[in-house]
């Protein structure tokens, strides 16, 4: 998708409040089946149960790369939603701790903006399946934001 098309989709998503429009238009997010649900000022990202996301069919468990990709997508889209940026932030660092196996079931993630500067944003991500208090993975992501648009209109 060209930059102009992406910005147009992003504008439509902001106007409607439905960010699934741009998640579906993002090839990797679409391939994984990632979607999001808004609850007031909170957003929960969802990775649906899909055979193609399995890494170990014997357990069965979700592939670790799928979990990591899902959490990175969640962090980026969290910035789109709450910082109202117009361009894709560049990832500087992504640190992921796998805590337990991601079973073959629906997986959820939520994000928190832990720090925002003029050019850098830090996001923490928690992924869980049955109980939020029992995460399957935790991540910390650091992003480089583009110039002046890094000024937030609203913080999460």
Protein backbone atom coordinates (compact mmCIF):
# COMPACT_ATOMS: atom_id res chain seq x y z
CA UNK A 1 0.00 0.00 0.00
CA UNK A 2 1.39 3.40 -0.99
CA UNK A 3 1.99 6.05 1.67
CA UNK A 4 -0.89 8.21 0.38
CA UNK A 5 -3.32 5.28 0.42
CA UNK A 6 -2.19 4.34 3.92
CA UNK A 7 -2.74 7.88 5.21
CA UNK A 8 -6.19 7.94 3.62
CA UNK A 9 -7.10 4.60 5.28
CA UNK A 10 -5.70 5.91 8.57
CA UNK A 11 -7.87 9.03 8.30
CA UNK A 12 -10.98 6.88 7.68
CA UNK A 13 -10.08 4.66 10.64
CA UNK A 14 -9.73 7.68 12.93
CA UNK A 15 -13.01 9.17 11.78
CA UNK A 16 -14.90 5.91 12.29
CA UNK A 17 -12.96 4.77 15.36
CA UNK A 18 -12.48 1.38 13.65
CA UNK A 19 -8.76 0.64 13.36
CA UNK A 20 -9.50 -2.82 11.96
CA UNK A 21 -9.68 -1.06 8.58
CA UNK A 22 -5.94 -0.42 8.55
CA UNK A 23 -5.06 -3.66 10.33
CA UNK A 24 -6.81 -5.53 7.50
CA UNK A 25 -4.93 -3.40 4.94
CA UNK A 26 -1.55 -4.20 6.57
CA UNK A 27 -0.28 -7.41 4.93
CA UNK A 28 1.40 -9.07 7.93
CA UNK A 29 -1.40 -8.13 10.35
CA UNK A 30 -3.94 -9.41 7.83
CA UNK A 31 -2.00 -12.66 7.34
CA UNK A 32 -1.99 -13.30 11.11
CA UNK A 33 -5.65 -12.25 11.43
CA UNK A 34 -4.92 -9.49 13.98
CA UNK A 35 -7.81 -7.23 14.92
CA UNK A 36 -8.55 -4.84 17.76
CA UNK A 37 -11.43 -3.96 20.03
CA UNK A 38 -11.92 -0.61 21.72
CA UNK A 39 -13.35 -0.23 25.19
CA UNK A 40 -13.47 3.51 25.81
CA UNK A 41 -9.85 4.64 26.08
CA UNK A 42 -8.55 1.07 26.10
CA UNK A 43 -7.68 -1.06 23.10
CA UNK A 44 -7.22 -4.83 23.17
CA UNK A 45 -5.54 -6.50 20.21
CA UNK A 46 -6.68 -10.00 19.28
CA UNK A 47 -4.79 -12.81 17.56
CA UNK A 48 -7.43 -15.37 16.58
CA UNK A 49 -7.01 -19.13 16.82
CA UNK A 50 -5.66 -20.17 13.39
CA UNK A 51 -3.94 -23.32 12.19
CA UNK A 52 -1.44 -21.31 10.14
CA UNK A 53 -0.14 -19.60 13.31
CA UNK A 54 0.98 -22.88 14.88
CA UNK A 55 4.66 -23.54 15.43
CA UNK A 56 4.32 -26.85 17.28
CA UNK A 57 1.26 -28.85 16.23
CA UNK A 58 2.05 -31.58 18.78
CA UNK A 59 1.46 -29.39 21.86
CA UNK A 60 -0.24 -27.48 19.97
CA UNK A 61 1.43 -24.08 20.45
CA UNK A 62 1.56 -20.80 18.53
CA UNK A 63 4.86 -20.11 16.78
CA UNK A 64 7.06 -17.78 18.85
CA UNK A 65 7.63 -15.53 15.83
CA UNK A 66 3.88 -15.14 15.43
CA UNK A 67 3.58 -14.08 19.07
CA UNK A 68 6.45 -11.60 18.65
CA UNK A 69 5.04 -10.22 15.40
CA UNK A 70 1.60 -9.89 16.96
CA UNK A 71 3.03 -7.93 19.90
CA UNK A 72 5.07 -5.66 17.62
CA UNK A 73 1.99 -4.93 15.48
CA UNK A 74 0.04 -4.14 18.66
CA UNK A 75 2.72 -1.67 19.80
CA UNK A 76 2.84 0.13 16.44
CA UNK A 77 -0.95 0.41 16.19
CA UNK A 78 -1.17 1.58 19.79
CA UNK A 79 1.00 4.53 18.73
CA UNK A 80 -1.22 5.18 15.68
CA UNK A 81 -4.30 5.24 17.88
CA UNK A 82 -3.09 7.25 20.85
CA UNK A 83 -0.38 9.55 19.43
CA UNK A 84 -2.24 10.20 16.18
CA UNK A 85 0.98 9.93 14.16
CA UNK A 86 0.78 9.88 10.37
CA UNK A 87 3.80 7.78 9.40
CA UNK A 88 4.93 4.35 10.49
CA UNK A 89 7.31 4.64 13.47
CA UNK A 90 10.70 3.01 13.03
CA UNK A 91 11.54 0.32 15.53
CA UNK A 92 14.77 0.96 17.41
CA UNK A 93 14.65 -1.96 19.84
CA UNK A 94 12.23 -4.77 20.64
CA UNK A 95 12.79 -6.97 23.67
CA UNK A 96 10.52 -9.97 24.24
CA UNK A 97 10.22 -12.31 27.21
CA UNK A 98 8.36 -15.57 26.58
CA UNK A 99 6.85 -16.66 29.90
CA UNK A 100 4.78 -19.73 28.94
CA UNK A 101 3.65 -21.57 25.84
CA UNK A 102 1.05 -19.81 23.73
CA UNK A 103 -1.56 -22.53 23.35
CA UNK A 104 -3.65 -22.92 20.22
CA UNK A 105 -6.38 -20.49 21.26
CA UNK A 106 -7.30 -16.83 20.97
CA UNK A 107 -4.56 -14.54 22.27
CA UNK A 108 -4.89 -10.95 23.49
CA UNK A 109 -2.48 -8.05 23.94
CA UNK A 110 -2.67 -4.63 25.45
CA UNK A 111 -0.12 -1.85 25.37
CA UNK A 112 0.93 1.07 27.52
CA UNK A 113 2.91 4.09 26.44
CA UNK A 114 5.62 4.17 29.09
CA UNK A 115 7.54 7.17 27.78
CA UNK A 116 7.16 9.65 24.97
CA UNK A 117 9.75 12.20 23.99
CA UNK A 118 10.01 14.47 20.98
CA UNK A 119 11.43 11.72 18.80
CA UNK A 120 11.17 8.47 20.75
CA UNK A 121 8.29 6.48 22.25
CA UNK A 122 8.57 3.46 24.53
CA UNK A 123 5.70 0.96 24.66
CA UNK A 124 5.21 -2.04 26.94
CA UNK A 125 3.09 -4.94 25.66
CA UNK A 126 1.45 -7.78 27.59
CA UNK A 127 0.08 -10.85 25.80
CA UNK A 128 -2.24 -13.35 27.51
CA UNK A 129 -4.78 -16.04 26.70
CA UNK A 130 -7.16 -17.04 29.47
CA UNK A 131 -6.19 -14.68 32.31
CA UNK A 132 -4.62 -11.27 31.95
CA UNK A 133 -2.78 -11.86 35.22
CA UNK A 134 -1.05 -14.88 33.63
CA UNK A 135 0.71 -13.43 30.58
CA UNK A 136 2.32 -15.67 28.00
CA UNK A 137 4.78 -12.93 26.94
CA UNK A 138 5.92 -9.42 27.84
CA UNK A 139 7.64 -6.99 25.48
CA UNK A 140 9.25 -3.59 25.51
CA UNK A 141 9.48 -1.65 22.26
CA UNK A 142 11.30 1.58 21.50
CA UNK A 143 10.30 3.54 18.41
CA UNK A 144 11.70 6.51 16.53
CA UNK A 145 8.90 8.92 15.66
CA UNK A 146 9.03 11.24 12.66
CA UNK A 147 9.73 14.94 13.34
CA UNK A 148 7.00 17.29 14.51
CA UNK A 149 4.15 14.80 14.33
CA UNK A 150 5.63 13.12 17.39
CA UNK A 151 3.86 15.77 19.43
CA UNK A 152 0.97 13.93 21.02
CA UNK A 153 -2.59 15.18 20.90
CA UNK A 154 -3.55 12.67 23.58
CA UNK A 155 -1.58 10.29 25.72
CA UNK A 156 -2.72 6.80 26.66
